[in-house]
mmCIF file of all heavy atoms, coordinates in Angstrom:
data_MODEL
# 
_entry.id   MODEL 
# 
loop_
_atom_site.group_PDB 
_atom_site.id 
_atom_site.type_symbol 
_atom_site.label_atom_id 
_atom_site.label_alt_id 
_atom_site.label_comp_id 
_atom_site.label_asym_id 
_atom_site.label_entity_id 
_atom_site.label_seq_id 
_atom_site.pdbx_PDB_ins_code 
_atom_site.Cartn_x 
_atom_site.Cartn_y 
_atom_site.Cartn_z 
_atom_site.occupancy 
_atom_site.B_iso_or_equiv 
_atom_site.pdbx_formal_charge 
_atom_site.auth_seq_id 
_atom_site.auth_comp_id 
_atom_site.auth_asym_id 
_atom_site.auth_atom_id 
_atom_site.pdbx_PDB_model_num 
ATOM 1   N N   . VAL A 1 1  ? 0.850   -1.179 0.000   1.00 0.00 ? 1  VAL A N   1 
ATOM 2   C CA  . VAL A 1 1  ? 0.000   0.000  0.000   1.00 0.00 ? 1  VAL A CA  1 
ATOM 3   C C   . VAL A 1 1  ? 0.889   1.234  0.000   1.00 0.00 ? 1  VAL A C   1 
ATOM 4   O O   . VAL A 1 1  ? 1.791   1.362  0.821   1.00 0.00 ? 1  VAL A O   1 
ATOM 5   C CB  . VAL A 1 1  ? -0.916  -0.003 1.245   1.00 0.00 ? 1  VAL A CB  1 
ATOM 6   C CG1 . VAL A 1 1  ? -1.743  1.264  1.289   1.00 0.00 ? 1  VAL A CG1 1 
ATOM 7   C CG2 . VAL A 1 1  ? -1.803  -1.225 1.253   1.00 0.00 ? 1  VAL A CG2 1 
ATOM 8   N N   . LYS A 1 2  ? 0.647   2.139  -0.937  1.00 0.00 ? 2  LYS A N   1 
ATOM 9   C CA  . LYS A 1 2  ? 1.389   3.396  -1.000  1.00 0.00 ? 2  LYS A CA  1 
ATOM 10  C C   . LYS A 1 2  ? 0.454   4.516  -0.580  1.00 0.00 ? 2  LYS A C   1 
ATOM 11  O O   . LYS A 1 2  ? -0.715  4.533  -0.962  1.00 0.00 ? 2  LYS A O   1 
ATOM 12  C CB  . LYS A 1 2  ? 1.886   3.658  -2.418  1.00 0.00 ? 2  LYS A CB  1 
ATOM 13  C CG  . LYS A 1 2  ? 2.948   2.691  -2.856  1.00 0.00 ? 2  LYS A CG  1 
ATOM 14  C CD  . LYS A 1 2  ? 3.457   3.051  -4.227  1.00 0.00 ? 2  LYS A CD  1 
ATOM 15  C CE  . LYS A 1 2  ? 4.523   2.065  -4.662  1.00 0.00 ? 2  LYS A CE  1 
ATOM 16  N NZ  . LYS A 1 2  ? 5.022   2.333  -5.991  1.00 0.00 ? 2  LYS A NZ  1 
ATOM 17  N N   . CYS A 1 3  ? 0.960   5.451  0.200   1.00 0.00 ? 3  CYS A N   1 
ATOM 18  C CA  . CYS A 1 3  ? 0.160   6.598  0.608   1.00 0.00 ? 3  CYS A CA  1 
ATOM 19  C C   . CYS A 1 3  ? 0.193   7.643  -0.499  1.00 0.00 ? 3  CYS A C   1 
ATOM 20  O O   . CYS A 1 3  ? 1.247   7.988  -1.004  1.00 0.00 ? 3  CYS A O   1 
ATOM 21  C CB  . CYS A 1 3  ? 0.680   7.180  1.913   1.00 0.00 ? 3  CYS A CB  1 
ATOM 22  S SG  . CYS A 1 3  ? 0.256   6.179  3.338   1.00 0.00 ? 3  CYS A SG  1 
ATOM 23  N N   . LEU A 1 4  ? -0.980  8.142  -0.862  1.00 0.00 ? 4  LEU A N   1 
ATOM 24  C CA  . LEU A 1 4  ? -1.113  9.118  -1.931  1.00 0.00 ? 4  LEU A CA  1 
ATOM 25  C C   . LEU A 1 4  ? -1.368  10.494 -1.343  1.00 0.00 ? 4  LEU A C   1 
ATOM 26  O O   . LEU A 1 4  ? -2.024  10.632 -0.321  1.00 0.00 ? 4  LEU A O   1 
ATOM 27  C CB  . LEU A 1 4  ? -2.282  8.730  -2.834  1.00 0.00 ? 4  LEU A CB  1 
ATOM 28  C CG  . LEU A 1 4  ? -2.220  7.324  -3.429  1.00 0.00 ? 4  LEU A CG  1 
ATOM 29  C CD1 . LEU A 1 4  ? -3.511  7.021  -4.182  1.00 0.00 ? 4  LEU A CD1 1 
ATOM 30  C CD2 . LEU A 1 4  ? -1.022  7.181  -4.341  1.00 0.00 ? 4  LEU A CD2 1 
ATOM 31  N N   . VAL A 1 5  ? -0.839  11.516 -2.000  1.00 0.00 ? 5  VAL A N   1 
ATOM 32  C CA  . VAL A 1 5  ? -1.063  12.900 -1.596  1.00 0.00 ? 5  VAL A CA  1 
ATOM 33  C C   . VAL A 1 5  ? -1.452  13.685 -2.845  1.00 0.00 ? 5  VAL A C   1 
ATOM 34  O O   . VAL A 1 5  ? -1.059  13.330 -3.953  1.00 0.00 ? 5  VAL A O   1 
ATOM 35  C CB  . VAL A 1 5  ? 0.187   13.505 -0.907  1.00 0.00 ? 5  VAL A CB  1 
ATOM 36  C CG1 . VAL A 1 5  ? 1.343   13.629 -1.864  1.00 0.00 ? 5  VAL A CG1 1 
ATOM 37  C CG2 . VAL A 1 5  ? -0.120  14.826 -0.247  1.00 0.00 ? 5  VAL A CG2 1 
ATOM 38  N N   . GLY A 1 6  ? -2.248  14.719 -2.650  1.00 0.00 ? 6  GLY A N   1 
ATOM 39  C CA  . GLY A 1 6  ? -2.705  15.521 -3.777  1.00 0.00 ? 6  GLY A CA  1 
ATOM 40  C C   . GLY A 1 6  ? -4.099  15.088 -4.189  1.00 0.00 ? 6  GLY A C   1 
ATOM 41  O O   . GLY A 1 6  ? -4.828  14.459 -3.436  1.00 0.00 ? 6  GLY A O   1 
ATOM 42  N N   . THR A 1 7  ? -4.473  15.421 -5.419  1.00 0.00 ? 7  THR A N   1 
ATOM 43  C CA  . THR A 1 7  ? -5.780  15.057 -5.950  1.00 0.00 ? 7  THR A CA  1 
ATOM 44  C C   . THR A 1 7  ? -5.610  13.858 -6.854  1.00 0.00 ? 7  THR A C   1 
ATOM 45  O O   . THR A 1 7  ? -4.834  13.900 -7.802  1.00 0.00 ? 7  THR A O   1 
ATOM 46  C CB  . THR A 1 7  ? -6.390  16.239 -6.729  1.00 0.00 ? 7  THR A CB  1 
ATOM 47  O OG1 . THR A 1 7  ? -6.532  17.337 -5.823  1.00 0.00 ? 7  THR A OG1 1 
ATOM 48  C CG2 . THR A 1 7  ? -7.740  15.882 -7.308  1.00 0.00 ? 7  THR A CG2 1 
ATOM 49  N N   . VAL A 1 8  ? -6.321  12.771 -6.534  1.00 0.00 ? 8  VAL A N   1 
ATOM 50  C CA  . VAL A 1 8  ? -6.197  11.539 -7.312  1.00 0.00 ? 8  VAL A CA  1 
ATOM 51  C C   . VAL A 1 8  ? -7.582  11.018 -7.676  1.00 0.00 ? 8  VAL A C   1 
ATOM 52  O O   . VAL A 1 8  ? -8.538  11.197 -6.930  1.00 0.00 ? 8  VAL A O   1 
ATOM 53  C CB  . VAL A 1 8  ? -5.407  10.452 -6.551  1.00 0.00 ? 8  VAL A CB  1 
ATOM 54  C CG1 . VAL A 1 8  ? -3.976  10.860 -6.338  1.00 0.00 ? 8  VAL A CG1 1 
ATOM 55  C CG2 . VAL A 1 8  ? -6.054  10.115 -5.228  1.00 0.00 ? 8  VAL A CG2 1 
ATOM 56  N N   . THR A 1 9  ? -7.663  10.402 -8.846  1.00 0.00 ? 9  THR A N   1 
ATOM 57  C CA  . THR A 1 9  ? -8.873  9.716  -9.283  1.00 0.00 ? 9  THR A CA  1 
ATOM 58  C C   . THR A 1 9  ? -8.479  8.265  -9.512  1.00 0.00 ? 9  THR A C   1 
ATOM 59  O O   . THR A 1 9  ? -7.542  7.985  -10.257 1.00 0.00 ? 9  THR A O   1 
ATOM 60  C CB  . THR A 1 9  ? -9.421  10.339 -10.585 1.00 0.00 ? 9  THR A CB  1 
ATOM 61  O OG1 . THR A 1 9  ? -9.751  11.703 -10.330 1.00 0.00 ? 9  THR A OG1 1 
ATOM 62  C CG2 . THR A 1 9  ? -10.656 9.603  -11.059 1.00 0.00 ? 9  THR A CG2 1 
ATOM 63  N N   . LEU A 1 10 ? -9.192  7.366  -8.841  1.00 0.00 ? 10 LEU A N   1 
ATOM 64  C CA  . LEU A 1 10 ? -8.839  5.954  -8.888  1.00 0.00 ? 10 LEU A CA  1 
ATOM 65  C C   . LEU A 1 10 ? -10.023 5.114  -9.362  1.00 0.00 ? 10 LEU A C   1 
ATOM 66  O O   . LEU A 1 10 ? -11.077 5.125  -8.735  1.00 0.00 ? 10 LEU A O   1 
ATOM 67  C CB  . LEU A 1 10 ? -8.402  5.480  -7.497  1.00 0.00 ? 10 LEU A CB  1 
ATOM 68  C CG  . LEU A 1 10 ? -7.235  6.245  -6.890  1.00 0.00 ? 10 LEU A CG  1 
ATOM 69  C CD1 . LEU A 1 10 ? -7.118  5.954  -5.405  1.00 0.00 ? 10 LEU A CD1 1 
ATOM 70  C CD2 . LEU A 1 10 ? -5.958  5.864  -7.606  1.00 0.00 ? 10 LEU A CD2 1 
ATOM 71  N N   . PRO A 1 11 ? -9.846  4.378  -10.473 1.00 0.00 ? 11 PRO A N   1 
ATOM 72  C CA  . PRO A 1 11 ? -10.918 3.493  -10.939 1.00 0.00 ? 11 PRO A CA  1 
ATOM 73  C C   . PRO A 1 11 ? -10.863 2.152  -10.191 1.00 0.00 ? 11 PRO A C   1 
ATOM 74  O O   . PRO A 1 11 ? -9.783  1.648  -9.879  1.00 0.00 ? 11 PRO A O   1 
ATOM 75  C CB  . PRO A 1 11 ? -10.602 3.311  -12.420 1.00 0.00 ? 11 PRO A CB  1 
ATOM 76  C CG  . PRO A 1 11 ? -9.112  3.467  -12.496 1.00 0.00 ? 11 PRO A CG  1 
ATOM 77  C CD  . PRO A 1 11 ? -8.726  4.442  -11.410 1.00 0.00 ? 11 PRO A CD  1 
ATOM 78  N N   . TYR A 1 12 ? -12.025 1.599  -9.901  1.00 0.00 ? 12 TYR A N   1 
ATOM 79  C CA  . TYR A 1 12 ? -12.122 0.287  -9.263  1.00 0.00 ? 12 TYR A CA  1 
ATOM 80  C C   . TYR A 1 12 ? -13.123 -0.561 -10.018 1.00 0.00 ? 12 TYR A C   1 
ATOM 81  O O   . TYR A 1 12 ? -14.172 -0.077 -10.443 1.00 0.00 ? 12 TYR A O   1 
ATOM 82  C CB  . TYR A 1 12 ? -12.568 0.411  -7.802  1.00 0.00 ? 12 TYR A CB  1 
ATOM 83  C CG  . TYR A 1 12 ? -11.471 0.948  -6.913  1.00 0.00 ? 12 TYR A CG  1 
ATOM 84  C CD1 . TYR A 1 12 ? -11.393 2.299  -6.626  1.00 0.00 ? 12 TYR A CD1 1 
ATOM 85  C CD2 . TYR A 1 12 ? -10.503 0.099  -6.385  1.00 0.00 ? 12 TYR A CD2 1 
ATOM 86  C CE1 . TYR A 1 12 ? -10.378 2.801  -5.828  1.00 0.00 ? 12 TYR A CE1 1 
ATOM 87  C CE2 . TYR A 1 12 ? -9.483  0.590  -5.590  1.00 0.00 ? 12 TYR A CE2 1 
ATOM 88  C CZ  . TYR A 1 12 ? -9.427  1.945  -5.315  1.00 0.00 ? 12 TYR A CZ  1 
ATOM 89  O OH  . TYR A 1 12 ? -8.425  2.432  -4.531  1.00 0.00 ? 12 TYR A OH  1 
ATOM 90  N N   . ASP A 1 13 ? -12.803 -1.828 -10.161 1.00 0.00 ? 13 ASP A N   1 
ATOM 91  C CA  . ASP A 1 13 ? -13.671 -2.794 -10.826 1.00 0.00 ? 13 ASP A CA  1 
ATOM 92  C C   . ASP A 1 13 ? -14.561 -3.446 -9.768  1.00 0.00 ? 13 ASP A C   1 
ATOM 93  O O   . ASP A 1 13 ? -14.060 -4.107 -8.860  1.00 0.00 ? 13 ASP A O   1 
ATOM 94  C CB  . ASP A 1 13 ? -12.810 -3.845 -11.531 1.00 0.00 ? 13 ASP A CB  1 
ATOM 95  C CG  . ASP A 1 13 ? -13.621 -4.872 -12.282 1.00 0.00 ? 13 ASP A CG  1 
ATOM 96  O OD1 . ASP A 1 13 ? -14.876 -4.843 -12.210 1.00 0.00 ? 13 ASP A OD1 1 
ATOM 97  O OD2 . ASP A 1 13 ? -13.005 -5.714 -12.949 1.00 0.00 ? 13 ASP A OD2 1 
ATOM 98  N N   . GLY A 1 14 ? -15.854 -3.252 -9.882  1.00 0.00 ? 14 GLY A N   1 
ATOM 99  C CA  . GLY A 1 14 ? -16.782 -3.814 -8.912  1.00 0.00 ? 14 GLY A CA  1 
ATOM 100 C C   . GLY A 1 14 ? -16.798 -5.334 -8.893  1.00 0.00 ? 14 GLY A C   1 
ATOM 101 O O   . GLY A 1 14 ? -17.295 -5.937 -7.941  1.00 0.00 ? 14 GLY A O   1 
ATOM 102 N N   . ALA A 1 15 ? -16.258 -5.976 -9.933  1.00 0.00 ? 15 ALA A N   1 
ATOM 103 C CA  . ALA A 1 15 ? -16.195 -7.434 -9.950  1.00 0.00 ? 15 ALA A CA  1 
ATOM 104 C C   . ALA A 1 15 ? -15.156 -7.962 -8.960  1.00 0.00 ? 15 ALA A C   1 
ATOM 105 O O   . ALA A 1 15 ? -15.173 -9.126 -8.593  1.00 0.00 ? 15 ALA A O   1 
ATOM 106 C CB  . ALA A 1 15 ? -15.884 -7.935 -11.354 1.00 0.00 ? 15 ALA A CB  1 
ATOM 107 N N   . ASP A 1 16 ? -14.240 -7.101 -8.507  1.00 0.00 ? 16 ASP A N   1 
ATOM 108 C CA  . ASP A 1 16 ? -13.242 -7.470 -7.499  1.00 0.00 ? 16 ASP A CA  1 
ATOM 109 C C   . ASP A 1 16 ? -13.754 -6.959 -6.150  1.00 0.00 ? 16 ASP A C   1 
ATOM 110 O O   . ASP A 1 16 ? -13.633 -5.781 -5.847  1.00 0.00 ? 16 ASP A O   1 
ATOM 111 C CB  . ASP A 1 16 ? -11.893 -6.834 -7.825  1.00 0.00 ? 16 ASP A CB  1 
ATOM 112 C CG  . ASP A 1 16 ? -10.830 -7.124 -6.779  1.00 0.00 ? 16 ASP A CG  1 
ATOM 113 O OD1 . ASP A 1 16 ? -11.092 -7.889 -5.827  1.00 0.00 ? 16 ASP A OD1 1 
ATOM 114 O OD2 . ASP A 1 16 ? -9.724  -6.570 -6.913  1.00 0.00 ? 16 ASP A OD2 1 
ATOM 115 N N   . PRO A 1 17 ? -14.319 -7.839 -5.297  1.00 0.00 ? 17 PRO A N   1 
ATOM 116 C CA  . PRO A 1 17 ? -14.947 -7.390 -4.060  1.00 0.00 ? 17 PRO A CA  1 
ATOM 117 C C   . PRO A 1 17 ? -13.962 -6.959 -2.979  1.00 0.00 ? 17 PRO A C   1 
ATOM 118 O O   . PRO A 1 17 ? -14.359 -6.386 -1.979  1.00 0.00 ? 17 PRO A O   1 
ATOM 119 C CB  . PRO A 1 17 ? -15.747 -8.606 -3.605  1.00 0.00 ? 17 PRO A CB  1 
ATOM 120 C CG  . PRO A 1 17 ? -14.997 -9.766 -4.163  1.00 0.00 ? 17 PRO A CG  1 
ATOM 121 C CD  . PRO A 1 17 ? -14.433 -9.284 -5.472  1.00 0.00 ? 17 PRO A CD  1 
ATOM 122 N N   . ASN A 1 18 ? -12.673 -7.205 -3.163  1.00 0.00 ? 18 ASN A N   1 
ATOM 123 C CA  . ASN A 1 18 ? -11.701 -6.913 -2.116  1.00 0.00 ? 18 ASN A CA  1 
ATOM 124 C C   . ASN A 1 18 ? -10.444 -6.276 -2.714  1.00 0.00 ? 18 ASN A C   1 
ATOM 125 O O   . ASN A 1 18 ? -9.380  -6.886 -2.732  1.00 0.00 ? 18 ASN A O   1 
ATOM 126 C CB  . ASN A 1 18 ? -11.363 -8.210 -1.369  1.00 0.00 ? 18 ASN A CB  1 
ATOM 127 C CG  . ASN A 1 18 ? -10.631 -7.945 -0.087  1.00 0.00 ? 18 ASN A CG  1 
ATOM 128 O OD1 . ASN A 1 18 ? -10.664 -6.850 0.438   1.00 0.00 ? 18 ASN A OD1 1 
ATOM 129 N ND2 . ASN A 1 18 ? -9.956  -8.957 0.408   1.00 0.00 ? 18 ASN A ND2 1 
ATOM 130 N N   . PRO A 1 19 ? -10.545 -5.029 -3.200  1.00 0.00 ? 19 PRO A N   1 
ATOM 131 C CA  . PRO A 1 19 ? -9.373  -4.389 -3.814  1.00 0.00 ? 19 PRO A CA  1 
ATOM 132 C C   . PRO A 1 19 ? -8.291  -4.056 -2.783  1.00 0.00 ? 19 PRO A C   1 
ATOM 133 O O   . PRO A 1 19 ? -8.558  -4.028 -1.579  1.00 0.00 ? 19 PRO A O   1 
ATOM 134 C CB  . PRO A 1 19 ? -9.947  -3.117 -4.431  1.00 0.00 ? 19 PRO A CB  1 
ATOM 135 C CG  . PRO A 1 19 ? -11.187 -2.849 -3.661  1.00 0.00 ? 19 PRO A CG  1 
ATOM 136 C CD  . PRO A 1 19 ? -11.709 -4.175 -3.191  1.00 0.00 ? 19 PRO A CD  1 
ATOM 137 N N   . THR A 1 20 ? -7.081  -3.797 -3.276  1.00 0.00 ? 20 THR A N   1 
ATOM 138 C CA  . THR A 1 20 ? -5.958  -3.418 -2.420  1.00 0.00 ? 20 THR A CA  1 
ATOM 139 C C   . THR A 1 20 ? -6.315  -2.172 -1.616  1.00 0.00 ? 20 THR A C   1 
ATOM 140 O O   . THR A 1 20 ? -6.936  -1.249 -2.129  1.00 0.00 ? 20 THR A O   1 
ATOM 141 C CB  . THR A 1 20 ? -4.715  -3.131 -3.277  1.00 0.00 ? 20 THR A CB  1 
ATOM 142 O OG1 . THR A 1 20 ? -4.401  -4.302 -4.020  1.00 0.00 ? 20 THR A OG1 1 
ATOM 143 C CG2 . THR A 1 20 ? -3.529  -2.744 -2.423  1.00 0.00 ? 20 THR A CG2 1 
ATOM 144 N N   . GLU A 1 21 ? -5.916  -2.150 -0.360  1.00 0.00 ? 21 GLU A N   1 
ATOM 145 C CA  . GLU A 1 21 ? -6.195  -1.010 0.512   1.00 0.00 ? 21 GLU A CA  1 
ATOM 146 C C   . GLU A 1 21 ? -5.633  0.284  -0.076  1.00 0.00 ? 21 GLU A C   1 
ATOM 147 O O   . GLU A 1 21 ? -4.687  0.268  -0.850  1.00 0.00 ? 21 GLU A O   1 
ATOM 148 C CB  . GLU A 1 21 ? -5.584  -1.229 1.894   1.00 0.00 ? 21 GLU A CB  1 
ATOM 149 C CG  . GLU A 1 21 ? -6.248  -2.331 2.660   1.00 0.00 ? 21 GLU A CG  1 
ATOM 150 C CD  . GLU A 1 21 ? -5.640  -2.522 4.044   1.00 0.00 ? 21 GLU A CD  1 
ATOM 151 O OE1 . GLU A 1 21 ? -4.668  -1.828 4.387   1.00 0.00 ? 21 GLU A OE1 1 
ATOM 152 O OE2 . GLU A 1 21 ? -6.156  -3.367 4.775   1.00 0.00 ? 21 GLU A OE2 1 
ATOM 153 N N   . LEU A 1 22 ? -6.220  1.388  0.340   1.00 0.00 ? 22 LEU A N   1 
ATOM 154 C CA  . LEU A 1 22 ? -5.814  2.714  -0.104  1.00 0.00 ? 22 LEU A CA  1 
ATOM 155 C C   . LEU A 1 22 ? -5.328  3.496  1.108   1.00 0.00 ? 22 LEU A C   1 
ATOM 156 O O   . LEU A 1 22 ? -5.888  3.374  2.198   1.00 0.00 ? 22 LEU A O   1 
ATOM 157 C CB  . LEU A 1 22 ? -7.014  3.425  -0.740  1.00 0.00 ? 22 LEU A CB  1 
ATOM 158 C CG  . LEU A 1 22 ? -6.861  4.892  -1.125  1.00 0.00 ? 22 LEU A CG  1 
ATOM 159 C CD1 . LEU A 1 22 ? -5.784  5.061  -2.201  1.00 0.00 ? 22 LEU A CD1 1 
ATOM 160 C CD2 . LEU A 1 22 ? -8.190  5.435  -1.619  1.00 0.00 ? 22 LEU A CD2 1 
ATOM 161 N N   . CYS A 1 23 ? -4.280  4.296  0.924   1.00 0.00 ? 23 CYS A N   1 
ATOM 162 C CA  . CYS A 1 23 ? -3.771  5.155  1.987   1.00 0.00 ? 23 CYS A CA  1 
ATOM 163 C C   . CYS A 1 23 ? -3.695  6.578  1.455   1.00 0.00 ? 23 CYS A C   1 
ATOM 164 O O   . CYS A 1 23 ? -3.164  6.813  0.370   1.00 0.00 ? 23 CYS A O   1 
ATOM 165 C CB  . CYS A 1 23 ? -2.393  4.687  2.440   1.00 0.00 ? 23 CYS A CB  1 
ATOM 166 S SG  . CYS A 1 23 ? -1.640  5.754  3.686   1.00 0.00 ? 23 CYS A SG  1 
ATOM 167 N N   . LEU A 1 24 ? -4.250  7.514  2.214   1.00 0.00 ? 24 LEU A N   1 
ATOM 168 C CA  . LEU A 1 24 ? -4.193  8.931  1.866   1.00 0.00 ? 24 LEU A CA  1 
ATOM 169 C C   . LEU A 1 24 ? -3.322  9.632  2.889   1.00 0.00 ? 24 LEU A C   1 
ATOM 170 O O   . LEU A 1 24 ? -3.436  9.380  4.083   1.00 0.00 ? 24 LEU A O   1 
ATOM 171 C CB  . LEU A 1 24 ? -5.592  9.535  1.855   1.00 0.00 ? 24 LEU A CB  1 
ATOM 172 C CG  . LEU A 1 24 ? -6.579  8.874  0.886   1.00 0.00 ? 24 LEU A CG  1 
ATOM 173 C CD1 . LEU A 1 24 ? -7.961  9.473  1.061   1.00 0.00 ? 24 LEU A CD1 1 
ATOM 174 C CD2 . LEU A 1 24 ? -6.100  9.007  -0.547  1.00 0.00 ? 24 LEU A CD2 1 
ATOM 175 N N   . LEU A 1 25 ? -2.474  10.507 2.421   1.00 0.00 ? 25 LEU A N   1 
ATOM 176 C CA  . LEU A 1 25 ? -1.509  11.179 3.284   1.00 0.00 ? 25 LEU A CA  1 
ATOM 177 C C   . LEU A 1 25 ? -1.915  12.632 3.496   1.00 0.00 ? 25 LEU A C   1 
ATOM 178 O O   . LEU A 1 25 ? -2.214  13.349 2.544   1.00 0.00 ? 25 LEU A O   1 
ATOM 179 C CB  . LEU A 1 25 ? -0.126  11.109 2.642   1.00 0.00 ? 25 LEU A CB  1 
ATOM 180 C CG  . LEU A 1 25 ? 1.064   11.618 3.430   1.00 0.00 ? 25 LEU A CG  1 
ATOM 181 C CD1 . LEU A 1 25 ? 1.230   10.839 4.723   1.00 0.00 ? 25 LEU A CD1 1 
ATOM 182 C CD2 . LEU A 1 25 ? 2.323   11.507 2.589   1.00 0.00 ? 25 LEU A CD2 1 
ATOM 183 N N   . ILE A 1 26 ? -1.949  13.051 4.756   1.00 0.00 ? 26 ILE A N   1 
ATOM 184 C CA  . ILE A 1 26 ? -2.218  14.446 5.096   1.00 0.00 ? 26 ILE A CA  1 
ATOM 185 C C   . ILE A 1 26 ? -0.874  15.132 5.326   1.00 0.00 ? 26 ILE A C   1 
ATOM 186 O O   . ILE A 1 26 ? -0.082  14.688 6.148   1.00 0.00 ? 26 ILE A O   1 
ATOM 187 C CB  . ILE A 1 26 ? -3.056  14.560 6.385   1.00 0.00 ? 26 ILE A CB  1 
ATOM 188 C CG1 . ILE A 1 26 ? -4.399  13.883 6.224   1.00 0.00 ? 26 ILE A CG1 1 
ATOM 189 C CG2 . ILE A 1 26 ? -3.245  16.013 6.766   1.00 0.00 ? 26 ILE A CG2 1 
ATOM 190 C CD1 . ILE A 1 26 ? -5.199  13.842 7.516   1.00 0.00 ? 26 ILE A CD1 1 
ATOM 191 N N   . ARG A 1 27 ? -0.631  16.201 4.579   1.00 0.00 ? 27 ARG A N   1 
ATOM 192 C CA  . ARG A 1 27 ? 0.589   17.006 4.769   1.00 0.00 ? 27 ARG A CA  1 
ATOM 193 C C   . ARG A 1 27 ? 0.196   18.468 4.774   1.00 0.00 ? 27 ARG A C   1 
ATOM 194 O O   . ARG A 1 27 ? -0.637  18.893 3.962   1.00 0.00 ? 27 ARG A O   1 
ATOM 195 C CB  . ARG A 1 27 ? 1.582   16.778 3.635   1.00 0.00 ? 27 ARG A CB  1 
ATOM 196 C CG  . ARG A 1 27 ? 2.345   15.501 3.735   1.00 0.00 ? 27 ARG A CG  1 
ATOM 197 C CD  . ARG A 1 27 ? 3.510   15.543 2.767   1.00 0.00 ? 27 ARG A CD  1 
ATOM 198 N NE  . ARG A 1 27 ? 4.212   14.291 2.786   1.00 0.00 ? 27 ARG A NE  1 
ATOM 199 C CZ  . ARG A 1 27 ? 4.942   13.845 1.794   1.00 0.00 ? 27 ARG A CZ  1 
ATOM 200 N NH1 . ARG A 1 27 ? 5.057   14.559 0.694   1.00 0.00 ? 27 ARG A NH1 1 
ATOM 201 N NH2 . ARG A 1 27 ? 5.566   12.712 1.882   1.00 0.00 ? 27 ARG A NH2 1 
ATOM 202 N N   . ASP A 1 28 ? 0.811   19.249 5.650   1.00 0.00 ? 28 ASP A N   1 
ATOM 203 C CA  . ASP A 1 28 ? 0.528   20.677 5.695   1.00 0.00 ? 28 ASP A CA  1 
ATOM 204 C C   . ASP A 1 28 ? 0.807   21.309 4.334   1.00 0.00 ? 28 ASP A C   1 
ATOM 205 O O   . ASP A 1 28 ? 1.868   21.087 3.741   1.00 0.00 ? 28 ASP A O   1 
ATOM 206 C CB  . ASP A 1 28 ? 1.384   21.374 6.762   1.00 0.00 ? 28 ASP A CB  1 
ATOM 207 C CG  . ASP A 1 28 ? 0.965   21.006 8.169   1.00 0.00 ? 28 ASP A CG  1 
ATOM 208 O OD1 . ASP A 1 28 ? -0.185  20.542 8.338   1.00 0.00 ? 28 ASP A OD1 1 
ATOM 209 O OD2 . ASP A 1 28 ? 1.766   21.183 9.093   1.00 0.00 ? 28 ASP A OD2 1 
ATOM 210 N N   . GLY A 1 29 ? -0.140  22.083 3.856   1.00 0.00 ? 29 GLY A N   1 
ATOM 211 C CA  . GLY A 1 29 ? 0.044   22.782 2.599   1.00 0.00 ? 29 GLY A CA  1 
ATOM 212 C C   . GLY A 1 29 ? -0.242  21.952 1.364   1.00 0.00 ? 29 GLY A C   1 
ATOM 213 O O   . GLY A 1 29 ? -0.169  22.446 0.256   1.00 0.00 ? 29 GLY A O   1 
# 
């Protein structure tokens, strides 16, 4: 799992009921 920062758009396939976890990073500014 990689932590993402900024604005991201992520597509997910509903046929996969258990996708890889997502991590969002909070950084000042």
